[in-house]
Each structure stands twice: as C-alpha cells, then as structure tokens.
Amino acid sequence: RDAEGRLREAQARENSRLFGAPHVAIVTTDAALGTYGAVDCGAYVAAFMLAAKALGVACIAQAALASHSPFVRAHFGIPNDRRILCGISFGYEDEAHPANSFRTSRAPLAEVADWRA
C-alpha cells in the first residue's frame, strides 16, 4: 500500500472516532423536505460552526457520517423519516495534535464563481 492510501485510511478511522471530540451533533432533516431541507441545514451547520468558534470551541463538519446512515440511525435512534446529512464533532481543540495543523487549499474565486450582470 502506498503512503497516500495509508493516509486515507487513517483519515477514515479518525472520522469514525469523531476526531476524538467529546460531542457530536447529528444534523438531520425531514426527508419530505428534499433539497430545501438540506440547504436549510447547510446554513445551520455554518452558523453552528461560526458560533462555536466565537466561543472558543473547535468543530468539524463530517459529511462522511451520512455514508454510514444505517449505523448512525440505529445507534442514535433516528427515525426513517429523517435524512441524515452530516455530523458536527466539537470540543476544545488539542492544539498540539498534528491533525490540527492540517490545512486544505481553496480554489481561487474565479474557478468557483461565474459573475454575470
């Protein structure tokens, strides 16, 4: 196995461990709301994460939890009429942990937005 594959597996394990966070919020929406419910939840996730940061609480959104919906649903007793969108793991950051120094790059605005008059 190559180094990239080992890193990917390690990252998947950390997702399953909720990155060691002591708390997780499972974000769901009424399945009947479809895309509209998902969009509303996206706004909620952004607001939650900004508020947490303002209070000194670190958090990470985890869309990967949605790919394990049957397990998450069974573990937390989430009814079938709820769509599981993501989790938000949160707690106080261990600044010394190597994972907390990892930063991703962002695409330039011109690559992700098309401005038209």
C-alpha atoms as a PDB file:
ATOM      1  CA  ARG A   1       0.000   0.000   0.000  1.00  0.00           C
ATOM      2  CA  ASP A   2       1.253   3.474  -0.817  1.00  0.00           C
ATOM      3  CA  ALA A   3       1.631   6.372   1.626  1.00  0.00           C
ATOM      4  CA  GLU A   4      -1.417   8.167   0.207  1.00  0.00           C
ATOM      5  CA  GLY A   5      -3.572   5.092   0.768  1.00  0.00           C
ATOM      6  CA  ARG A   6      -2.377   4.788   4.375  1.00  0.00           C
ATOM      7  CA  LEU A   7      -3.170   8.462   4.972  1.00  0.00           C
ATOM      8  CA  ARG A   8      -6.652   8.000   3.505  1.00  0.00           C
ATOM      9  CA  GLU A   9      -7.286   5.007   5.788  1.00  0.00           C
ATOM     10  CA  ALA A  10      -6.026   6.921   8.832  1.00  0.00           C
ATOM     11  CA  GLN A  11      -8.352   9.810   7.962  1.00  0.00           C
ATOM     12  CA  ALA A  12     -11.303   7.416   7.639  1.00  0.00           C
ATOM     13  CA  ARG A  13     -10.518   5.984  11.092  1.00  0.00           C
ATOM     14  CA  GLU A  14     -10.413   9.494  12.570  1.00  0.00           C
ATOM     15  CA  ASN A  15     -13.814  10.241  11.009  1.00  0.00           C
ATOM     16  CA  SER A  16     -15.186   7.128  12.711  1.00  0.00           C
ATOM     17  CA  ARG A  17     -13.643   8.255  16.012  1.00  0.00           C
ATOM     18  CA  LEU A  18     -15.241  11.707  15.547  1.00  0.00           C
ATOM     19  CA  PHE A  19     -11.670  13.062  15.590  1.00  0.00           C
ATOM     20  CA  GLY A  20     -11.588  12.360  19.320  1.00  0.00           C
ATOM     21  CA  ALA A  21     -14.181  15.057  20.016  1.00  0.00           C
ATOM     22  CA  PRO A  22     -16.264  14.586  23.153  1.00  0.00           C
ATOM     23  CA  HIS A  23     -19.500  15.694  21.467  1.00  0.00           C
ATOM     24  CA  VAL A  24     -21.270  15.230  18.160  1.00  0.00           C
ATOM     25  CA  ALA A  25     -24.397  16.837  16.734  1.00  0.00           C
ATOM     26  CA  ILE A  26     -26.107  14.693  14.116  1.00  0.00           C
ATOM     27  CA  VAL A  27     -27.721  17.008  11.566  1.00  0.00           C
ATOM     28  CA  THR A  28     -30.912  15.646  10.020  1.00  0.00           C
ATOM     29  CA  THR A  29     -33.799  16.988   8.022  1.00  0.00           C
ATOM     30  CA  ASP A  30     -37.315  15.796   7.335  1.00  0.00           C
ATOM     31  CA  ALA A  31     -36.890  13.586   4.262  1.00  0.00           C
ATOM     32  CA  ALA A  32     -40.062  15.081   2.760  1.00  0.00           C
ATOM     33  CA  LEU A  33     -38.337  18.490   2.515  1.00  0.00           C
ATOM     34  CA  GLY A  34     -35.823  17.141  -0.010  1.00  0.00           C
ATOM     35  CA  THR A  35     -33.206  19.577  -1.277  1.00  0.00           C
ATOM     36  CA  TYR A  36     -34.786  22.525   0.546  1.00  0.00           C
ATOM     37  CA  GLY A  37     -34.265  20.848   3.909  1.00  0.00           C
ATOM     38  CA  ALA A  38     -30.662  20.060   3.052  1.00  0.00           C
ATOM     39  CA  VAL A  39     -29.976  23.681   2.064  1.00  0.00           C
ATOM     40  CA  ASP A  40     -31.513  24.939   5.309  1.00  0.00           C
ATOM     41  CA  CYS A  41     -29.364  22.510   7.263  1.00  0.00           C
ATOM     42  CA  GLY A  42     -26.262  23.728   5.444  1.00  0.00           C
ATOM     43  CA  ALA A  43     -26.987  27.237   6.694  1.00  0.00           C
ATOM     44  CA  TYR A  44     -27.490  25.846  10.202  1.00  0.00           C
ATOM     45  CA  VAL A  45     -24.165  23.972  10.090  1.00  0.00           C
ATOM     46  CA  ALA A  46     -22.342  27.149   9.030  1.00  0.00           C
ATOM     47  CA  ALA A  47     -23.984  29.190  11.807  1.00  0.00           C
ATOM     48  CA  PHE A  48     -23.281  26.482  14.417  1.00  0.00           C
ATOM     49  CA  MET A  49     -19.618  26.304  13.455  1.00  0.00           C
ATOM     50  CA  LEU A  50     -19.165  30.093  13.454  1.00  0.00           C
ATOM     51  CA  ALA A  51     -20.856  30.398  16.861  1.00  0.00           C
ATOM     52  CA  ALA A  52     -18.722  27.575  18.274  1.00  0.00           C
ATOM     53  CA  LYS A  53     -15.526  29.212  17.005  1.00  0.00           C
ATOM     54  CA  ALA A  54     -16.581  32.544  18.535  1.00  0.00           C
ATOM     55  CA  LEU A  55     -16.917  30.753  21.891  1.00  0.00           C
ATOM     56  CA  GLY A  56     -13.519  29.048  21.575  1.00  0.00           C
ATOM     57  CA  VAL A  57     -14.958  25.634  20.723  1.00  0.00           C
ATOM     58  CA  ALA A  58     -13.388  23.748  17.828  1.00  0.00           C
ATOM     59  CA  CYS A  59     -15.601  21.759  15.478  1.00  0.00           C
ATOM     60  CA  ILE A  60     -15.546  19.874  12.233  1.00  0.00           C
ATOM     61  CA  ALA A  61     -18.430  19.060   9.915  1.00  0.00           C
ATOM     62  CA  GLN A  62     -18.423  15.408   8.933  1.00  0.00           C
ATOM     63  CA  ALA A  63     -20.357  14.590   5.793  1.00  0.00           C
ATOM     64  CA  ALA A  64     -18.761  11.122   5.912  1.00  0.00           C
ATOM     65  CA  LEU A  65     -21.200  10.176   8.690  1.00  0.00           C
ATOM     66  CA  ALA A  66     -24.054  10.333   6.184  1.00  0.00           C
ATOM     67  CA  SER A  67     -22.450   7.495   4.227  1.00  0.00           C
ATOM     68  CA  HIS A  68     -22.928   5.341   7.340  1.00  0.00           C
ATOM     69  CA  SER A  69     -26.571   6.316   7.827  1.00  0.00           C
ATOM     70  CA  PRO A  70     -27.851   2.845   8.811  1.00  0.00           C
ATOM     71  CA  PHE A  71     -25.342   2.587  11.676  1.00  0.00           C
ATOM     72  CA  VAL A  72     -25.819   6.218  12.783  1.00  0.00           C
ATOM     73  CA  ARG A  73     -29.608   5.840  12.581  1.00  0.00           C
ATOM     74  CA  ALA A  74     -29.590   2.651  14.677  1.00  0.00           C
ATOM     75  CA  HIS A  75     -27.078   3.936  17.243  1.00  0.00           C
ATOM     76  CA  PHE A  76     -28.869   7.231  17.901  1.00  0.00           C
ATOM     77  CA  GLY A  77     -32.452   6.001  17.330  1.00  0.00           C
ATOM     78  CA  ILE A  78     -33.082   8.332  14.394  1.00  0.00           C
ATOM     79  CA  PRO A  79     -36.389   7.541  12.639  1.00  0.00           C
ATOM     80  CA  ASN A  80     -36.507   6.625   8.966  1.00  0.00           C
ATOM     81  CA  ASP A  81     -38.393   9.785   8.011  1.00  0.00           C
ATOM     82  CA  ARG A  82     -35.263  11.852   8.796  1.00  0.00           C
ATOM     83  CA  ARG A  83     -32.457  12.226   6.247  1.00  0.00           C
ATOM     84  CA  ILE A  84     -29.026  12.169   7.907  1.00  0.00           C
ATOM     85  CA  LEU A  85     -26.910  14.905   6.329  1.00  0.00           C
ATOM     86  CA  CYS A  86     -23.774  15.145   8.439  1.00  0.00           C
ATOM     87  CA  GLY A  87     -22.375  15.333  11.912  1.00  0.00           C
ATOM     88  CA  ILE A  88     -20.582  18.160  13.668  1.00  0.00           C
ATOM     89  CA  SER A  89     -17.963  16.930  16.116  1.00  0.00           C
ATOM     90  CA  PHE A  90     -16.980  19.532  18.655  1.00  0.00           C
ATOM     91  CA  GLY A  91     -14.997  20.215  21.799  1.00  0.00           C
ATOM     92  CA  TYR A  92     -11.926  22.098  22.937  1.00  0.00           C
ATOM     93  CA  GLU A  93      -9.033  21.757  20.491  1.00  0.00           C
ATOM     94  CA  ASP A  94      -5.802  19.971  21.343  1.00  0.00           C
ATOM     95  CA  GLU A  95      -3.527  22.454  19.598  1.00  0.00           C
ATOM     96  CA  ALA A  96      -0.527  20.129  19.941  1.00  0.00           C
ATOM     97  CA  HIS A  97      -2.170  17.311  17.956  1.00  0.00           C
ATOM     98  CA  PRO A  98      -0.628  17.075  14.458  1.00  0.00           C
ATOM     99  CA  ALA A  99      -4.046  16.774  12.783  1.00  0.00           C
ATOM    100  CA  ASN A 100      -4.924  20.262  13.985  1.00  0.00           C
ATOM    101  CA  SER A 101      -2.153  21.821  11.922  1.00  0.00           C
ATOM    102  CA  PHE A 102      -3.502  20.393   8.647  1.00  0.00           C
ATOM    103  CA  ARG A 103      -4.940  22.995   6.293  1.00  0.00           C
ATOM    104  CA  THR A 104      -6.510  22.497   2.896  1.00  0.00           C
ATOM    105  CA  SER A 105      -6.136  24.874  -0.004  1.00  0.00           C
ATOM    106  CA  ARG A 106      -9.066  26.627  -1.601  1.00  0.00           C
ATOM    107  CA  ALA A 107      -9.728  27.162  -5.278  1.00  0.00           C
ATOM    108  CA  PRO A 108      -9.484  30.762  -6.436  1.00  0.00           C
ATOM    109  CA  LEU A 109     -12.825  32.563  -6.564  1.00  0.00           C
ATOM    110  CA  ALA A 110     -12.657  32.784 -10.376  1.00  0.00           C
ATOM    111  CA  GLU A 111     -12.708  28.962 -10.513  1.00  0.00           C
ATOM    112  CA  VAL A 112     -15.841  28.533  -8.413  1.00  0.00           C
ATOM    113  CA  ALA A 113     -17.956  31.589  -9.263  1.00  0.00           C
ATOM    114  CA  ASP A 114     -19.157  32.972 -12.562  1.00  0.00           C
ATOM    115  CA  TRP A 115     -20.253  36.604 -12.154  1.00  0.00           C
ATOM    116  CA  ARG A 116     -22.803  37.848 -14.687  1.00  0.00           C
ATOM    117  CA  ALA A 117     -24.538  41.181 -14.989  1.00  0.00           C
END
